[in-house]
Amino acid sequence: MSRPNLASLLLQYARLDRKRGLEGLDAAETRLLMELDRELSAALTPHVPPGAERRSSIRVPADVACRWAPVARAEDGRITVLSRSGAFIRTARPAPVGQEITISITLPSGGKVEVPGVVANQILGPDPERQGMGVRFARMPREAMAAIDSLYELSIVRQYGSPEPPCDGGTPTSG
């Protein structure tokens, strides 16, 4: 049997990660999620030693317009990296680390979703293409999480291509 492509593995990972958060996984699903995490981490971040990644969800490149605001002001930004648990927002004036913000994300459908977050880190410097902040999503309503999940899966397909159809009509596996 041929090995599924990267998009197939990432989408399978995303679905298991979502299920883990919503209803939990059985032992076989937990093992598969751990296998996928190891395999995808090695493929996507080969320079990071196994076990060194602290994020709870694999990051994928994205290109999504957003607007973010602490209480005082609103700023335009662009989500350039997305995971199920956070994002990197390219912005000229990142908020301070620890600041709670609300992110209004423009969805491909034309709608918007608001997501609460906390600034985890910031990158400053002379290159505006690298300036921005890492944001960890806070607890959000189920509808907002569903929108993030859809955006995450769309970002996977845009970056890595369409998933391969399973040979047996079932879900692709990493085996």
N, C-alpha and C. Protein backbone atom coordinates (compact mmCIF):
# COMPACT_ATOMS: atom_id res chain seq x y z
N MET A 1 0.86 -1.18 0.00
CA MET A 1 0.00 0.00 0.00
C MET A 1 0.90 1.23 0.00
N SER A 2 0.56 2.25 -0.80
CA SER A 2 1.36 3.47 -0.83
C SER A 2 1.07 4.32 0.39
N ARG A 3 2.05 5.12 0.75
CA ARG A 3 1.93 6.00 1.89
C ARG A 3 1.11 7.23 1.52
N PRO A 4 0.15 7.66 2.37
CA PRO A 4 -0.65 8.84 2.06
C PRO A 4 0.23 10.09 1.96
N ASN A 5 -0.22 11.08 1.18
CA ASN A 5 0.53 12.31 1.06
C ASN A 5 0.42 13.15 2.34
N LEU A 6 1.22 14.20 2.40
CA LEU A 6 1.29 15.04 3.59
C LEU A 6 -0.07 15.66 3.92
N ALA A 7 -0.80 16.10 2.91
CA ALA A 7 -2.13 16.68 3.15
C ALA A 7 -3.05 15.67 3.81
N SER A 8 -3.03 14.42 3.34
CA SER A 8 -3.87 13.38 3.93
C SER A 8 -3.52 13.15 5.39
N LEU A 9 -2.22 13.09 5.69
CA LEU A 9 -1.78 12.87 7.07
C LEU A 9 -2.15 14.04 7.96
N LEU A 10 -1.97 15.27 7.47
CA LEU A 10 -2.32 16.45 8.26
C LEU A 10 -3.82 16.53 8.51
N LEU A 11 -4.63 16.22 7.51
CA LEU A 11 -6.07 16.26 7.70
C LEU A 11 -6.53 15.19 8.69
N GLN A 12 -5.91 14.02 8.61
CA GLN A 12 -6.24 12.96 9.57
C GLN A 12 -5.84 13.41 10.97
N TYR A 13 -4.67 14.00 11.10
CA TYR A 13 -4.22 14.54 12.39
C TYR A 13 -5.22 15.57 12.91
N ALA A 14 -5.65 16.51 12.03
CA ALA A 14 -6.58 17.57 12.45
C ALA A 14 -7.89 16.99 12.96
N ARG A 15 -8.39 15.99 12.28
CA ARG A 15 -9.67 15.39 12.70
C ARG A 15 -9.55 14.66 14.03
N LEU A 16 -8.44 13.95 14.22
CA LEU A 16 -8.23 13.27 15.50
C LEU A 16 -8.01 14.28 16.62
N ASP A 17 -7.26 15.34 16.34
CA ASP A 17 -7.01 16.38 17.34
C ASP A 17 -8.32 17.05 17.75
N ARG A 18 -9.19 17.31 16.77
CA ARG A 18 -10.50 17.89 17.06
C ARG A 18 -11.32 16.93 17.92
N LYS A 19 -11.33 15.65 17.55
CA LYS A 19 -12.11 14.66 18.31
C LYS A 19 -11.58 14.56 19.74
N ARG A 20 -10.26 14.62 19.89
CA ARG A 20 -9.65 14.57 21.23
C ARG A 20 -10.20 15.69 22.10
N GLY A 21 -10.33 16.89 21.52
CA GLY A 21 -10.82 18.03 22.28
C GLY A 21 -12.30 17.99 22.57
N LEU A 22 -13.08 17.38 21.69
CA LEU A 22 -14.53 17.39 21.85
C LEU A 22 -15.06 16.21 22.67
N GLU A 23 -14.59 15.01 22.35
CA GLU A 23 -15.19 13.84 22.99
C GLU A 23 -14.18 12.83 23.53
N GLY A 24 -12.92 13.07 23.24
CA GLY A 24 -11.89 12.14 23.69
C GLY A 24 -11.62 11.06 22.65
N LEU A 25 -10.49 10.39 22.83
CA LEU A 25 -10.06 9.34 21.91
C LEU A 25 -9.94 8.02 22.65
N ASP A 26 -10.15 6.92 21.93
CA ASP A 26 -9.89 5.61 22.53
C ASP A 26 -8.38 5.35 22.41
N ALA A 27 -7.93 4.24 22.95
CA ALA A 27 -6.50 3.94 23.00
C ALA A 27 -5.87 3.86 21.60
N ALA A 28 -6.56 3.22 20.66
CA ALA A 28 -6.01 3.10 19.30
C ALA A 28 -5.91 4.46 18.63
N GLU A 29 -6.92 5.31 18.81
CA GLU A 29 -6.88 6.65 18.22
C GLU A 29 -5.79 7.50 18.86
N THR A 30 -5.59 7.34 20.16
CA THR A 30 -4.52 8.08 20.85
C THR A 30 -3.16 7.68 20.30
N ARG A 31 -2.95 6.38 20.10
CA ARG A 31 -1.68 5.90 19.52
C ARG A 31 -1.49 6.45 18.11
N LEU A 32 -2.55 6.43 17.31
CA LEU A 32 -2.46 6.93 15.95
C LEU A 32 -2.15 8.44 15.94
N LEU A 33 -2.80 9.20 16.82
CA LEU A 33 -2.54 10.63 16.89
C LEU A 33 -1.08 10.88 17.28
N MET A 34 -0.55 10.11 18.21
CA MET A 34 0.86 10.27 18.61
C MET A 34 1.80 9.91 17.45
N GLU A 35 1.48 8.85 16.72
CA GLU A 35 2.27 8.46 15.53
C GLU A 35 2.26 9.56 14.47
N LEU A 36 1.07 10.08 14.21
CA LEU A 36 0.94 11.15 13.22
C LEU A 36 1.72 12.39 13.67
N ASP A 37 1.63 12.71 14.94
CA ASP A 37 2.34 13.88 15.47
C ASP A 37 3.84 13.71 15.27
N ARG A 38 4.38 12.55 15.59
CA ARG A 38 5.82 12.30 15.41
C ARG A 38 6.22 12.39 13.93
N GLU A 39 5.44 11.71 13.09
CA GLU A 39 5.77 11.68 11.66
C GLU A 39 5.67 13.07 11.03
N LEU A 40 4.61 13.80 11.36
CA LEU A 40 4.42 15.13 10.79
C LEU A 40 5.44 16.13 11.34
N SER A 41 5.75 16.04 12.61
CA SER A 41 6.77 16.92 13.19
C SER A 41 8.12 16.69 12.52
N ALA A 42 8.47 15.45 12.28
CA ALA A 42 9.73 15.14 11.61
C ALA A 42 9.74 15.68 10.18
N ALA A 43 8.60 15.62 9.50
CA ALA A 43 8.52 16.10 8.11
C ALA A 43 8.47 17.63 8.03
N LEU A 44 7.76 18.26 8.97
CA LEU A 44 7.53 19.70 8.88
C LEU A 44 8.58 20.53 9.63
N THR A 45 9.13 19.97 10.68
CA THR A 45 10.12 20.71 11.48
C THR A 45 11.30 19.79 11.81
N PRO A 46 12.04 19.37 10.79
CA PRO A 46 13.12 18.41 11.03
C PRO A 46 14.25 18.97 11.90
N HIS A 47 14.36 20.29 12.01
CA HIS A 47 15.40 20.92 12.81
C HIS A 47 15.07 20.93 14.30
N VAL A 48 13.82 20.62 14.68
CA VAL A 48 13.42 20.61 16.08
C VAL A 48 13.56 19.20 16.63
N PRO A 49 14.32 19.00 17.71
CA PRO A 49 14.50 17.66 18.26
C PRO A 49 13.16 17.06 18.73
N PRO A 50 12.99 15.74 18.60
CA PRO A 50 11.76 15.11 19.06
C PRO A 50 11.50 15.44 20.53
N GLY A 51 10.25 15.81 20.83
CA GLY A 51 9.87 16.13 22.20
C GLY A 51 10.11 17.57 22.60
N ALA A 52 10.81 18.36 21.77
CA ALA A 52 11.12 19.75 22.13
C ALA A 52 9.96 20.70 21.83
N GLU A 53 9.08 20.33 20.92
CA GLU A 53 7.95 21.19 20.56
C GLU A 53 6.96 21.23 21.71
N ARG A 54 6.61 22.44 22.15
CA ARG A 54 5.69 22.59 23.27
C ARG A 54 4.26 22.84 22.83
N ARG A 55 4.05 23.11 21.58
CA ARG A 55 2.69 23.42 21.13
C ARG A 55 1.83 22.16 21.15
N SER A 56 0.53 22.39 21.39
CA SER A 56 -0.37 21.24 21.48
C SER A 56 -0.97 20.86 20.13
N SER A 57 -0.69 21.63 19.10
CA SER A 57 -1.26 21.35 17.79
C SER A 57 -0.24 21.74 16.72
N ILE A 58 -0.15 20.96 15.67
CA ILE A 58 0.79 21.22 14.58
C ILE A 58 0.38 22.50 13.85
N ARG A 59 1.38 23.32 13.54
CA ARG A 59 1.14 24.58 12.83
C ARG A 59 1.25 24.38 11.33
N VAL A 60 0.44 25.14 10.59
CA VAL A 60 0.52 25.11 9.13
C VAL A 60 0.53 26.54 8.60
N PRO A 61 1.20 26.76 7.47
CA PRO A 61 1.17 28.10 6.87
C PRO A 61 -0.25 28.48 6.49
N ALA A 62 -0.56 29.76 6.63
CA ALA A 62 -1.88 30.26 6.29
C ALA A 62 -1.73 31.66 5.69
N ASP A 63 -2.79 32.16 5.14
CA ASP A 63 -2.81 33.52 4.63
C ASP A 63 -4.25 34.02 4.75
N VAL A 64 -4.56 34.60 5.92
CA VAL A 64 -5.92 34.96 6.26
C VAL A 64 -5.95 36.37 6.85
N ALA A 65 -6.81 37.21 6.31
CA ALA A 65 -6.96 38.57 6.85
C ALA A 65 -7.64 38.51 8.21
N CYS A 66 -7.21 39.42 9.08
CA CYS A 66 -7.85 39.52 10.38
C CYS A 66 -7.72 40.94 10.90
N ARG A 67 -8.44 41.21 11.94
CA ARG A 67 -8.35 42.46 12.67
C ARG A 67 -8.32 42.05 14.12
N TRP A 68 -7.45 42.64 14.89
CA TRP A 68 -7.35 42.25 16.29
C TRP A 68 -7.44 43.50 17.15
N ALA A 69 -7.90 43.33 18.38
CA ALA A 69 -8.07 44.49 19.23
C ALA A 69 -7.98 44.12 20.71
N PRO A 70 -7.10 44.82 21.41
CA PRO A 70 -7.28 44.86 22.86
C PRO A 70 -8.37 45.90 23.11
N VAL A 71 -8.61 46.30 24.28
CA VAL A 71 -9.69 47.22 24.57
C VAL A 71 -9.50 48.57 23.87
N ALA A 72 -8.25 49.07 23.79
CA ALA A 72 -8.00 50.45 23.36
C ALA A 72 -8.07 50.70 21.85
N ARG A 73 -7.55 49.81 21.03
CA ARG A 73 -7.45 50.11 19.60
C ARG A 73 -7.59 48.84 18.77
N ALA A 74 -7.98 49.01 17.51
CA ALA A 74 -8.06 47.87 16.60
C ALA A 74 -6.95 48.01 15.57
N GLU A 75 -6.37 46.89 15.17
CA GLU A 75 -5.27 46.85 14.21
C GLU A 75 -5.57 45.80 13.15
N ASP A 76 -5.15 46.09 11.92
CA ASP A 76 -5.23 45.08 10.86
C ASP A 76 -4.04 44.15 10.99
N GLY A 77 -4.24 42.91 10.58
CA GLY A 77 -3.17 41.93 10.61
C GLY A 77 -3.43 40.84 9.60
N ARG A 78 -2.52 39.91 9.55
CA ARG A 78 -2.64 38.78 8.64
C ARG A 78 -2.17 37.54 9.37
N ILE A 79 -3.00 36.52 9.44
CA ILE A 79 -2.60 35.25 10.04
C ILE A 79 -1.73 34.54 9.01
N THR A 80 -0.47 34.28 9.39
CA THR A 80 0.45 33.63 8.45
C THR A 80 0.78 32.20 8.86
N VAL A 81 0.46 31.85 10.11
CA VAL A 81 0.64 30.49 10.61
C VAL A 81 -0.56 30.20 11.50
N LEU A 82 -1.11 28.99 11.35
CA LEU A 82 -2.33 28.64 12.08
C LEU A 82 -2.21 27.23 12.65
N SER A 83 -2.71 27.06 13.86
CA SER A 83 -2.90 25.73 14.43
C SER A 83 -4.28 25.72 15.07
N ARG A 84 -4.66 24.60 15.62
CA ARG A 84 -5.97 24.54 16.28
C ARG A 84 -5.93 25.28 17.61
N SER A 85 -4.73 25.57 18.13
CA SER A 85 -4.63 26.20 19.44
C SER A 85 -4.09 27.63 19.40
N GLY A 86 -3.74 28.14 18.22
CA GLY A 86 -3.22 29.50 18.15
C GLY A 86 -2.84 29.91 16.75
N ALA A 87 -2.23 31.09 16.65
CA ALA A 87 -1.86 31.62 15.34
C ALA A 87 -0.71 32.61 15.49
N PHE A 88 -0.03 32.84 14.36
CA PHE A 88 0.91 33.96 14.30
C PHE A 88 0.26 35.01 13.44
N ILE A 89 0.16 36.22 13.99
CA ILE A 89 -0.46 37.34 13.28
C ILE A 89 0.64 38.32 12.90
N ARG A 90 0.81 38.50 11.59
CA ARG A 90 1.75 39.51 11.11
C ARG A 90 1.06 40.87 11.27
N THR A 91 1.71 41.76 12.02
CA THR A 91 1.15 43.08 12.28
C THR A 91 2.29 44.03 12.62
N ALA A 92 2.14 45.29 12.25
CA ALA A 92 3.20 46.28 12.47
C ALA A 92 3.35 46.64 13.94
N ARG A 93 2.27 46.55 14.71
CA ARG A 93 2.33 46.92 16.13
C ARG A 93 1.75 45.80 16.99
N PRO A 94 2.54 44.77 17.27
CA PRO A 94 2.01 43.68 18.09
C PRO A 94 1.69 44.13 19.51
N ALA A 95 0.70 43.49 20.09
CA ALA A 95 0.32 43.77 21.48
C ALA A 95 1.37 43.18 22.42
N PRO A 96 1.44 43.68 23.64
CA PRO A 96 2.41 43.14 24.60
C PRO A 96 2.10 41.68 24.98
N VAL A 97 3.15 40.95 25.32
CA VAL A 97 2.99 39.57 25.78
C VAL A 97 2.09 39.57 27.01
N GLY A 98 1.14 38.63 27.02
CA GLY A 98 0.18 38.52 28.12
C GLY A 98 -1.11 39.27 27.89
N GLN A 99 -1.15 40.15 26.88
CA GLN A 99 -2.35 40.94 26.59
C GLN A 99 -3.46 40.04 26.05
N GLU A 100 -4.66 40.19 26.58
CA GLU A 100 -5.83 39.50 26.03
C GLU A 100 -6.33 40.32 24.86
N ILE A 101 -6.61 39.64 23.75
CA ILE A 101 -7.11 40.32 22.56
C ILE A 101 -8.29 39.54 21.99
N THR A 102 -9.02 40.20 21.12
CA THR A 102 -10.07 39.54 20.33
C THR A 102 -9.64 39.64 18.88
N ILE A 103 -9.69 38.52 18.17
CA ILE A 103 -9.28 38.47 16.77
C ILE A 103 -10.54 38.27 15.93
N SER A 104 -10.77 39.17 15.01
CA SER A 104 -11.87 39.04 14.06
C SER A 104 -11.26 38.51 12.76
N ILE A 105 -11.57 37.26 12.44
CA ILE A 105 -10.97 36.57 11.29
C ILE A 105 -11.95 36.58 10.13
N THR A 106 -11.45 37.01 8.97
CA THR A 106 -12.26 37.00 7.75
C THR A 106 -12.21 35.59 7.17
N LEU A 107 -13.36 34.96 7.06
CA LEU A 107 -13.46 33.59 6.55
C LEU A 107 -13.52 33.59 5.02
N PRO A 108 -13.07 32.53 4.38
CA PRO A 108 -13.13 32.44 2.92
C PRO A 108 -14.56 32.60 2.38
N SER A 109 -15.54 32.24 3.18
CA SER A 109 -16.95 32.36 2.77
C SER A 109 -17.42 33.81 2.76
N GLY A 110 -16.58 34.71 3.30
CA GLY A 110 -16.96 36.11 3.36
C GLY A 110 -17.44 36.52 4.74
N GLY A 111 -17.75 35.56 5.58
CA GLY A 111 -18.18 35.87 6.94
C GLY A 111 -16.99 36.18 7.83
N LYS A 112 -17.26 36.38 9.09
CA LYS A 112 -16.21 36.63 10.07
C LYS A 112 -16.49 35.78 11.31
N VAL A 113 -15.43 35.50 12.04
CA VAL A 113 -15.57 34.83 13.33
C VAL A 113 -14.68 35.56 14.31
N GLU A 114 -15.15 35.75 15.54
CA GLU A 114 -14.35 36.39 16.58
C GLU A 114 -13.83 35.33 17.52
N VAL A 115 -12.53 35.42 17.79
CA VAL A 115 -11.84 34.42 18.61
C VAL A 115 -11.06 35.15 19.69
N PRO A 116 -11.22 34.75 20.96
CA PRO A 116 -10.42 35.36 22.02
C PRO A 116 -9.03 34.73 22.05
N GLY A 117 -8.04 35.52 22.44
CA GLY A 117 -6.68 35.00 22.52
C GLY A 117 -5.84 35.77 23.52
N VAL A 118 -4.66 35.22 23.78
CA VAL A 118 -3.68 35.85 24.65
C VAL A 118 -2.36 35.87 23.90
N VAL A 119 -1.69 37.02 23.89
CA VAL A 119 -0.41 37.15 23.19
C VAL A 119 0.64 36.34 23.95
N ALA A 120 1.26 35.39 23.26
CA ALA A 120 2.26 34.51 23.86
C ALA A 120 3.68 35.00 23.60
N ASN A 121 3.89 35.65 22.45
CA ASN A 121 5.21 36.19 22.12
C ASN A 121 5.05 37.24 21.04
N GLN A 122 6.10 38.00 20.83
CA GLN A 122 6.07 39.00 19.77
C GLN A 122 7.42 39.07 19.09
N ILE A 123 7.37 39.44 17.82
CA ILE A 123 8.60 39.62 17.04
C ILE A 123 8.60 41.05 16.54
N LEU A 124 9.64 41.78 16.93
CA LEU A 124 9.82 43.15 16.49
C LEU A 124 11.08 43.21 15.65
N GLY A 125 11.28 44.28 14.94
CA GLY A 125 12.50 44.40 14.15
C GLY A 125 12.25 45.20 12.90
N PRO A 126 13.29 45.35 12.10
CA PRO A 126 13.19 46.21 10.92
C PRO A 126 12.39 45.62 9.76
N ASP A 127 12.24 44.31 9.70
CA ASP A 127 11.57 43.68 8.57
C ASP A 127 10.07 43.56 8.85
N PRO A 128 9.23 44.37 8.19
CA PRO A 128 7.79 44.32 8.46
C PRO A 128 7.14 42.98 8.10
N GLU A 129 7.77 42.20 7.23
CA GLU A 129 7.22 40.89 6.88
C GLU A 129 7.38 39.88 8.01
N ARG A 130 8.24 40.17 8.97
CA ARG A 130 8.47 39.25 10.09
C ARG A 130 7.88 39.75 11.40
N GLN A 131 7.42 41.01 11.44
CA GLN A 131 6.88 41.58 12.67
C GLN A 131 5.51 40.97 12.96
N GLY A 132 5.27 40.72 14.23
CA GLY A 132 3.97 40.20 14.59
C GLY A 132 3.96 39.59 15.97
N MET A 133 2.96 38.75 16.20
CA MET A 133 2.80 38.15 17.53
C MET A 133 2.20 36.76 17.42
N GLY A 134 2.68 35.91 18.31
CA GLY A 134 2.09 34.60 18.47
C GLY A 134 0.95 34.70 19.47
N VAL A 135 -0.19 34.15 19.12
CA VAL A 135 -1.37 34.24 19.97
C VAL A 135 -1.87 32.83 20.28
N ARG A 136 -2.12 32.59 21.54
CA ARG A 136 -2.72 31.32 21.98
C ARG A 136 -4.22 31.57 22.12
N PHE A 137 -5.02 30.76 21.41
CA PHE A 137 -6.46 30.94 21.49
C PHE A 137 -6.94 30.61 22.90
N ALA A 138 -7.91 31.40 23.37
CA ALA A 138 -8.56 31.14 24.65
C ALA A 138 -9.79 30.27 24.40
N ARG A 139 -10.44 29.89 25.45
CA ARG A 139 -11.66 29.09 25.32
C ARG A 139 -12.66 29.85 24.46
N MET A 140 -13.26 29.15 23.53
CA MET A 140 -14.18 29.82 22.60
C MET A 140 -15.43 28.97 22.40
N PRO A 141 -16.50 29.60 21.93
CA PRO A 141 -17.72 28.85 21.64
C PRO A 141 -17.46 27.78 20.57
N ARG A 142 -18.27 26.75 20.61
CA ARG A 142 -18.14 25.63 19.66
C ARG A 142 -18.18 26.08 18.21
N GLU A 143 -19.03 27.07 17.88
CA GLU A 143 -19.13 27.56 16.51
C GLU A 143 -17.82 28.20 16.06
N ALA A 144 -17.17 28.94 16.96
CA ALA A 144 -15.89 29.58 16.61
C ALA A 144 -14.82 28.50 16.42
N MET A 145 -14.82 27.47 17.27
CA MET A 145 -13.83 26.39 17.12
C MET A 145 -14.07 25.65 15.82
N ALA A 146 -15.33 25.45 15.44
CA ALA A 146 -15.62 24.79 14.16
C ALA A 146 -15.10 25.63 13.00
N ALA A 147 -15.21 26.97 13.10
CA ALA A 147 -14.69 27.84 12.04
C ALA A 147 -13.17 27.75 11.97
N ILE A 148 -12.49 27.71 13.13
CA ILE A 148 -11.03 27.57 13.16
C ILE A 148 -10.64 26.22 12.56
N ASP A 149 -11.35 25.16 12.93
CA ASP A 149 -11.06 23.83 12.37
C ASP A 149 -11.18 23.84 10.84
N SER A 150 -12.24 24.46 10.31
CA SER A 150 -12.42 24.52 8.85
C SER A 150 -11.30 25.33 8.19
N LEU A 151 -10.93 26.43 8.81
CA LEU A 151 -9.86 27.27 8.28
C LEU A 151 -8.52 26.53 8.33
N TYR A 152 -8.30 25.77 9.39
CA TYR A 152 -7.08 24.96 9.54
C TYR A 152 -7.01 23.91 8.42
N GLU A 153 -8.10 23.20 8.18
CA GLU A 153 -8.11 22.19 7.13
C GLU A 153 -7.96 22.83 5.75
N LEU A 154 -8.59 23.97 5.52
CA LEU A 154 -8.44 24.67 4.25
C LEU A 154 -6.98 25.12 4.05
N SER A 155 -6.35 25.59 5.12
CA SER A 155 -4.94 26.00 5.03
C SER A 155 -4.05 24.81 4.70
N ILE A 156 -4.36 23.64 5.24
CA ILE A 156 -3.60 22.43 4.93
C ILE A 156 -3.70 22.14 3.43
N VAL A 157 -4.92 22.15 2.90
CA VAL A 157 -5.13 21.83 1.48
C VAL A 157 -4.46 22.88 0.59
N ARG A 158 -4.57 24.16 0.97
CA ARG A 158 -3.93 25.21 0.16
C ARG A 158 -2.41 25.08 0.15
N GLN A 159 -1.83 24.69 1.28
CA GLN A 159 -0.38 24.60 1.37
C GLN A 159 0.17 23.29 0.81
N TYR A 160 -0.52 22.17 1.08
CA TYR A 160 0.04 20.85 0.77
C TYR A 160 -0.71 20.10 -0.32
N GLY A 161 -1.77 20.67 -0.85
CA GLY A 161 -2.50 20.02 -1.92
C GLY A 161 -3.66 19.19 -1.40
N SER A 162 -4.40 18.63 -2.31
CA SER A 162 -5.56 17.81 -1.95
C SER A 162 -5.12 16.49 -1.38
N PRO A 163 -5.89 15.98 -0.43
CA PRO A 163 -5.56 14.66 0.12
C PRO A 163 -5.81 13.58 -0.91
N GLU A 164 -5.06 12.50 -0.78
CA GLU A 164 -5.30 11.35 -1.65
C GLU A 164 -6.52 10.60 -1.16
N PRO A 165 -7.34 10.13 -2.07
CA PRO A 165 -8.49 9.33 -1.62
C PRO A 165 -7.99 8.02 -1.03
N PRO A 166 -8.60 7.55 0.06
CA PRO A 166 -8.19 6.27 0.65
C PRO A 166 -8.43 5.13 -0.33
N CYS A 167 -7.56 4.16 -0.30
CA CYS A 167 -7.67 3.00 -1.21
C CYS A 167 -8.89 2.15 -0.90
N ASP A 168 -9.23 2.03 0.38
CA ASP A 168 -10.32 1.14 0.79
C ASP A 168 -11.62 1.88 1.06
N GLY A 169 -11.67 3.20 0.77
CA GLY A 169 -12.87 3.97 1.04
C GLY A 169 -12.94 4.46 2.46
N GLY A 170 -11.95 4.13 3.30
CA GLY A 170 -11.94 4.57 4.69
C GLY A 170 -11.01 5.74 4.88
N THR A 171 -10.68 6.00 6.12
CA THR A 171 -9.77 7.10 6.46
C THR A 171 -8.34 6.72 6.18
N PRO A 172 -7.53 7.62 5.57
CA PRO A 172 -6.14 7.29 5.34
C PRO A 172 -5.40 7.11 6.66
N THR A 173 -4.41 6.25 6.66
CA THR A 173 -3.60 6.03 7.86
C THR A 173 -2.15 6.20 7.52
N SER A 174 -1.32 6.28 8.56
CA SER A 174 0.10 6.48 8.33
C SER A 174 0.85 5.16 8.22
N GLY A 175 0.17 4.03 8.28
CA GLY A 175 0.82 2.74 8.28
C GLY A 175 1.25 2.31 6.98
